[in-house]
Amino acid sequence: MAAGKKKKKVETVFLVCEETGDYNYTLKRKVGGEKLKLSKYSPRLRKHTVHTEKKK
């Protein structure tokens, strides 16, 4: 048995478009830290918009 192995704490996070409210992207990241704000492509608007992190 593998007694020394630890599981990494990972959470699933959604990136939501601020303009349309669509859930366009999902990420798996470590628990904690500050909320992400990234410029990502919005297929509905066909341009890059700011996406913010939202948990499940």
PDB file of N, CA and C in Angstrom:
ATOM      1  N   MET A   1       0.829  -1.184   0.000  1.00  0.00           N
ATOM      2  CA  MET A   1       0.000   0.000   0.000  1.00  0.00           C
ATOM      3  C   MET A   1       0.872   1.245   0.000  1.00  0.00           C
ATOM      4  N   ALA A   2       0.422   2.256  -0.668  1.00  0.00           N
ATOM      5  CA  ALA A   2       1.166   3.514  -0.748  1.00  0.00           C
ATOM      6  C   ALA A   2       0.768   4.406   0.417  1.00  0.00           C
ATOM      7  N   ALA A   3       1.538   4.355   1.482  1.00  0.00           N
ATOM      8  CA  ALA A   3       1.200   5.092   2.694  1.00  0.00           C
ATOM      9  C   ALA A   3       1.630   6.559   2.611  1.00  0.00           C
ATOM     10  N   GLY A   4       2.646   6.878   1.827  1.00  0.00           N
ATOM     11  CA  GLY A   4       3.190   8.227   1.801  1.00  0.00           C
ATOM     12  C   GLY A   4       2.552   9.157   0.779  1.00  0.00           C
ATOM     13  N   LYS A   5       1.600   8.686  -0.007  1.00  0.00           N
ATOM     14  CA  LYS A   5       1.002   9.520  -1.061  1.00  0.00           C
ATOM     15  C   LYS A   5      -0.106  10.397  -0.479  1.00  0.00           C
ATOM     16  N   LYS A   6      -0.117  11.663  -0.909  1.00  0.00           N
ATOM     17  CA  LYS A   6      -1.169  12.591  -0.496  1.00  0.00           C
ATOM     18  C   LYS A   6      -1.943  13.025  -1.734  1.00  0.00           C
ATOM     19  N   LYS A   7      -3.227  13.269  -1.565  1.00  0.00           N
ATOM     20  CA  LYS A   7      -4.035  13.789  -2.662  1.00  0.00           C
ATOM     21  C   LYS A   7      -3.929  15.297  -2.685  1.00  0.00           C
ATOM     22  N   LYS A   8      -3.812  15.859  -3.878  1.00  0.00           N
ATOM     23  CA  LYS A   8      -3.740  17.306  -4.021  1.00  0.00           C
ATOM     24  C   LYS A   8      -5.138  17.890  -3.927  1.00  0.00           C
ATOM     25  N   LYS A   9      -5.250  19.023  -3.235  1.00  0.00           N
ATOM     26  CA  LYS A   9      -6.530  19.704  -3.108  1.00  0.00           C
ATOM     27  C   LYS A   9      -6.761  20.540  -4.363  1.00  0.00           C
ATOM     28  N   VAL A  10      -7.761  20.150  -5.135  1.00  0.00           N
ATOM     29  CA  VAL A  10      -8.072  20.830  -6.387  1.00  0.00           C
ATOM     30  C   VAL A  10      -9.572  21.083  -6.429  1.00  0.00           C
ATOM     31  N   GLU A  11      -9.960  22.272  -6.912  1.00  0.00           N
ATOM     32  CA  GLU A  11     -11.384  22.585  -7.048  1.00  0.00           C
ATOM     33  C   GLU A  11     -11.684  22.966  -8.497  1.00  0.00           C
ATOM     34  N   THR A  12     -12.902  22.702  -8.937  1.00  0.00           N
ATOM     35  CA  THR A  12     -13.337  23.077 -10.275  1.00  0.00           C
ATOM     36  C   THR A  12     -13.951  24.466 -10.207  1.00  0.00           C
ATOM     37  N   VAL A  13     -13.512  25.337 -11.109  1.00  0.00           N
ATOM     38  CA  VAL A  13     -13.938  26.729 -11.122  1.00  0.00           C
ATOM     39  C   VAL A  13     -14.444  27.063 -12.524  1.00  0.00           C
ATOM     40  N   PHE A  14     -15.492  27.858 -12.598  1.00  0.00           N
ATOM     41  CA  PHE A  14     -16.034  28.306 -13.880  1.00  0.00           C
ATOM     42  C   PHE A  14     -15.629  29.739 -14.132  1.00  0.00           C
ATOM     43  N   LEU A  15     -15.369  30.074 -15.400  1.00  0.00           N
ATOM     44  CA  LEU A  15     -15.123  31.458 -15.790  1.00  0.00           C
ATOM     45  C   LEU A  15     -16.377  31.972 -16.484  1.00  0.00           C
ATOM     46  N   VAL A  16     -16.961  33.029 -15.917  1.00  0.00           N
ATOM     47  CA  VAL A  16     -18.230  33.568 -16.389  1.00  0.00           C
ATOM     48  C   VAL A  16     -18.000  34.915 -17.053  1.00  0.00           C
ATOM     49  N   CYS A  17     -18.567  35.096 -18.232  1.00  0.00           N
ATOM     50  CA  CYS A  17     -18.468  36.359 -18.952  1.00  0.00           C
ATOM     51  C   CYS A  17     -19.228  37.443 -18.186  1.00  0.00           C
ATOM     52  N   GLU A  18     -18.591  38.596 -17.981  1.00  0.00           N
ATOM     53  CA  GLU A  18     -19.246  39.681 -17.246  1.00  0.00           C
ATOM     54  C   GLU A  18     -20.341  40.355 -18.055  1.00  0.00           C
ATOM     55  N   GLU A  19     -20.235  40.346 -19.376  1.00  0.00           N
ATOM     56  CA  GLU A  19     -21.221  41.036 -20.209  1.00  0.00           C
ATOM     57  C   GLU A  19     -22.466  40.193 -20.477  1.00  0.00           C
ATOM     58  N   THR A  20     -22.296  38.892 -20.750  1.00  0.00           N
ATOM     59  CA  THR A  20     -23.448  38.050 -21.087  1.00  0.00           C
ATOM     60  C   THR A  20     -23.875  37.135 -19.941  1.00  0.00           C
ATOM     61  N   GLY A  21     -22.962  36.807 -19.031  1.00  0.00           N
ATOM     62  CA  GLY A  21     -23.280  35.892 -17.936  1.00  0.00           C
ATOM     63  C   GLY A  21     -23.153  34.430 -18.329  1.00  0.00           C
ATOM     64  N   ASP A  22     -22.576  34.157 -19.492  1.00  0.00           N
ATOM     65  CA  ASP A  22     -22.404  32.775 -19.958  1.00  0.00           C
ATOM     66  C   ASP A  22     -21.230  32.106 -19.261  1.00  0.00           C
ATOM     67  N   TYR A  23     -21.373  30.802 -18.989  1.00  0.00           N
ATOM     68  CA  TYR A  23     -20.293  29.984 -18.440  1.00  0.00           C
ATOM     69  C   TYR A  23     -19.520  29.418 -19.631  1.00  0.00           C
ATOM     70  N   ASN A  24     -18.409  30.059 -19.995  1.00  0.00           N
ATOM     71  CA  ASN A  24     -17.682  29.671 -21.199  1.00  0.00           C
ATOM     72  C   ASN A  24     -16.515  28.738 -20.940  1.00  0.00           C
ATOM     73  N   TYR A  25     -15.883  28.822 -19.784  1.00  0.00           N
ATOM     74  CA  TYR A  25     -14.664  28.045 -19.518  1.00  0.00           C
ATOM     75  C   TYR A  25     -14.719  27.411 -18.136  1.00  0.00           C
ATOM     76  N   THR A  26     -14.047  26.263 -17.987  1.00  0.00           N
ATOM     77  CA  THR A  26     -13.877  25.634 -16.684  1.00  0.00           C
ATOM     78  C   THR A  26     -12.387  25.409 -16.447  1.00  0.00           C
ATOM     79  N   LEU A  27     -11.975  25.509 -15.195  1.00  0.00           N
ATOM     80  CA  LEU A  27     -10.592  25.305 -14.800  1.00  0.00           C
ATOM     81  C   LEU A  27     -10.544  24.418 -13.570  1.00  0.00           C
ATOM     82  N   LYS A  28      -9.457  23.713 -13.405  1.00  0.00           N
ATOM     83  CA  LYS A  28      -9.172  23.013 -12.157  1.00  0.00           C
ATOM     84  C   LYS A  28      -7.969  23.694 -11.546  1.00  0.00           C
ATOM     85  N   ARG A  29      -8.130  24.240 -10.339  1.00  0.00           N
ATOM     86  CA  ARG A  29      -7.036  24.964  -9.713  1.00  0.00           C
ATOM     87  C   ARG A  29      -6.948  24.656  -8.237  1.00  0.00           C
ATOM     88  N   LYS A  30      -5.844  25.032  -7.627  1.00  0.00           N
ATOM     89  CA  LYS A  30      -5.633  24.786  -6.212  1.00  0.00           C
ATOM     90  C   LYS A  30      -6.621  25.595  -5.388  1.00  0.00           C
ATOM     91  N   VAL A  31      -6.952  25.078  -4.214  1.00  0.00           N
ATOM     92  CA  VAL A  31      -7.875  25.745  -3.311  1.00  0.00           C
ATOM     93  C   VAL A  31      -7.193  26.986  -2.743  1.00  0.00           C
ATOM     94  N   GLY A  32      -7.961  28.068  -2.599  1.00  0.00           N
ATOM     95  CA  GLY A  32      -7.435  29.303  -2.023  1.00  0.00           C
ATOM     96  C   GLY A  32      -6.985  30.273  -3.079  1.00  0.00           C
ATOM     97  N   GLY A  33      -6.414  31.373  -2.618  1.00  0.00           N
ATOM     98  CA  GLY A  33      -5.963  32.394  -3.556  1.00  0.00           C
ATOM     99  C   GLY A  33      -7.079  33.382  -3.859  1.00  0.00           C
ATOM    100  N   GLU A  34      -6.753  34.367  -4.666  1.00  0.00           N
ATOM    101  CA  GLU A  34      -7.748  35.380  -4.997  1.00  0.00           C
ATOM    102  C   GLU A  34      -8.500  35.000  -6.271  1.00  0.00           C
ATOM    103  N   LYS A  35      -9.637  35.659  -6.490  1.00  0.00           N
ATOM    104  CA  LYS A  35     -10.456  35.362  -7.661  1.00  0.00           C
ATOM    105  C   LYS A  35      -9.751  35.781  -8.943  1.00  0.00           C
ATOM    106  N   LEU A  36      -9.933  34.973  -9.972  1.00  0.00           N
ATOM    107  CA  LEU A  36      -9.335  35.264 -11.272  1.00  0.00           C
ATOM    108  C   LEU A  36     -10.196  36.245 -12.049  1.00  0.00           C
ATOM    109  N   LYS A  37      -9.552  37.128 -12.781  1.00  0.00           N
ATOM    110  CA  LYS A  37     -10.213  37.994 -13.764  1.00  0.00           C
ATOM    111  C   LYS A  37      -9.347  37.932 -14.998  1.00  0.00           C
ATOM    112  N   LEU A  38      -9.841  37.270 -16.032  1.00  0.00           N
ATOM    113  CA  LEU A  38      -9.064  37.071 -17.243  1.00  0.00           C
ATOM    114  C   LEU A  38      -9.817  37.594 -18.463  1.00  0.00           C
ATOM    115  N   SER A  39      -9.077  38.008 -19.465  1.00  0.00           N
ATOM    116  CA  SER A  39      -9.668  38.386 -20.735  1.00  0.00           C
ATOM    117  C   SER A  39      -9.717  37.138 -21.612  1.00  0.00           C
ATOM    118  N   LYS A  40     -10.921  36.638 -21.878  1.00  0.00           N
ATOM    119  CA  LYS A  40     -11.103  35.421 -22.669  1.00  0.00           C
ATOM    120  C   LYS A  40     -12.101  35.706 -23.788  1.00  0.00           C
ATOM    121  N   TYR A  41     -12.138  34.803 -24.764  1.00  0.00           N
ATOM    122  CA  TYR A  41     -13.016  34.958 -25.921  1.00  0.00           C
ATOM    123  C   TYR A  41     -14.448  34.561 -25.572  1.00  0.00           C
ATOM    124  N   SER A  42     -15.398  35.404 -25.922  1.00  0.00           N
ATOM    125  CA  SER A  42     -16.818  35.118 -25.740  1.00  0.00           C
ATOM    126  C   SER A  42     -17.426  34.769 -27.094  1.00  0.00           C
ATOM    127  N   PRO A  43     -17.832  33.511 -27.293  1.00  0.00           N
ATOM    128  CA  PRO A  43     -18.366  33.110 -28.593  1.00  0.00           C
ATOM    129  C   PRO A  43     -19.666  33.834 -28.979  1.00  0.00           C
ATOM    130  N   ARG A  44     -20.482  34.182 -28.012  1.00  0.00           N
ATOM    131  CA  ARG A  44     -21.738  34.858 -28.321  1.00  0.00           C
ATOM    132  C   ARG A  44     -21.491  36.268 -28.867  1.00  0.00           C
ATOM    133  N   LEU A  45     -20.553  36.988 -28.255  1.00  0.00           N
ATOM    134  CA  LEU A  45     -20.257  38.354 -28.685  1.00  0.00           C
ATOM    135  C   LEU A  45     -19.196  38.411 -29.777  1.00  0.00           C
ATOM    136  N   ARG A  46     -18.495  37.295 -29.978  1.00  0.00           N
ATOM    137  CA  ARG A  46     -17.414  37.193 -30.964  1.00  0.00           C
ATOM    138  C   ARG A  46     -16.294  38.207 -30.716  1.00  0.00           C
ATOM    139  N   LYS A  47     -15.949  38.392 -29.444  1.00  0.00           N
ATOM    140  CA  LYS A  47     -14.824  39.251 -29.087  1.00  0.00           C
ATOM    141  C   LYS A  47     -14.327  38.860 -27.693  1.00  0.00           C
ATOM    142  N   HIS A  48     -13.173  39.394 -27.311  1.00  0.00           N
ATOM    143  CA  HIS A  48     -12.611  39.123 -25.995  1.00  0.00           C
ATOM    144  C   HIS A  48     -13.285  40.021 -24.965  1.00  0.00           C
ATOM    145  N   THR A  49     -13.698  39.413 -23.849  1.00  0.00           N
ATOM    146  CA  THR A  49     -14.321  40.151 -22.751  1.00  0.00           C
ATOM    147  C   THR A  49     -13.692  39.682 -21.439  1.00  0.00           C
ATOM    148  N   VAL A  50     -13.991  40.388 -20.362  1.00  0.00           N
ATOM    149  CA  VAL A  50     -13.475  40.011 -19.048  1.00  0.00           C
ATOM    150  C   VAL A  50     -14.326  38.882 -18.493  1.00  0.00           C
ATOM    151  N   HIS A  51     -13.669  37.823 -18.040  1.00  0.00           N
ATOM    152  CA  HIS A  51     -14.328  36.683 -17.413  1.00  0.00           C
ATOM    153  C   HIS A  51     -13.873  36.606 -15.962  1.00  0.00           C
ATOM    154  N   THR A  52     -14.809  36.372 -15.043  1.00  0.00           N
ATOM    155  CA  THR A  52     -14.482  36.271 -13.630  1.00  0.00           C
ATOM    156  C   THR A  52     -14.744  34.853 -13.138  1.00  0.00           C
ATOM    157  N   GLU A  53     -14.082  34.512 -12.066  1.00  0.00           N
ATOM    158  CA  GLU A  53     -14.180  33.169 -11.483  1.00  0.00           C
ATOM    159  C   GLU A  53     -15.469  33.033 -10.685  1.00  0.00           C
ATOM    160  N   LYS A  54     -16.110  31.889 -10.836  1.00  0.00           N
ATOM    161  CA  LYS A  54     -17.284  31.556 -10.031  1.00  0.00           C
ATOM    162  C   LYS A  54     -17.179  30.083  -9.668  1.00  0.00           C
ATOM    163  N   LYS A  55     -17.422  29.767  -8.395  1.00  0.00           N
ATOM    164  CA  LYS A  55     -17.324  28.386  -7.959  1.00  0.00           C
ATOM    165  C   LYS A  55     -18.614  27.636  -8.253  1.00  0.00           C
ATOM    166  N   LYS A  56     -18.572  26.317  -8.146  1.00  0.00           N
ATOM    167  CA  LYS A  56     -19.727  25.453  -8.429  1.00  0.00           C
ATOM    168  C   LYS A  56     -20.980  25.891  -7.752  1.00  0.00           C
TER     169      LYS A  56
END
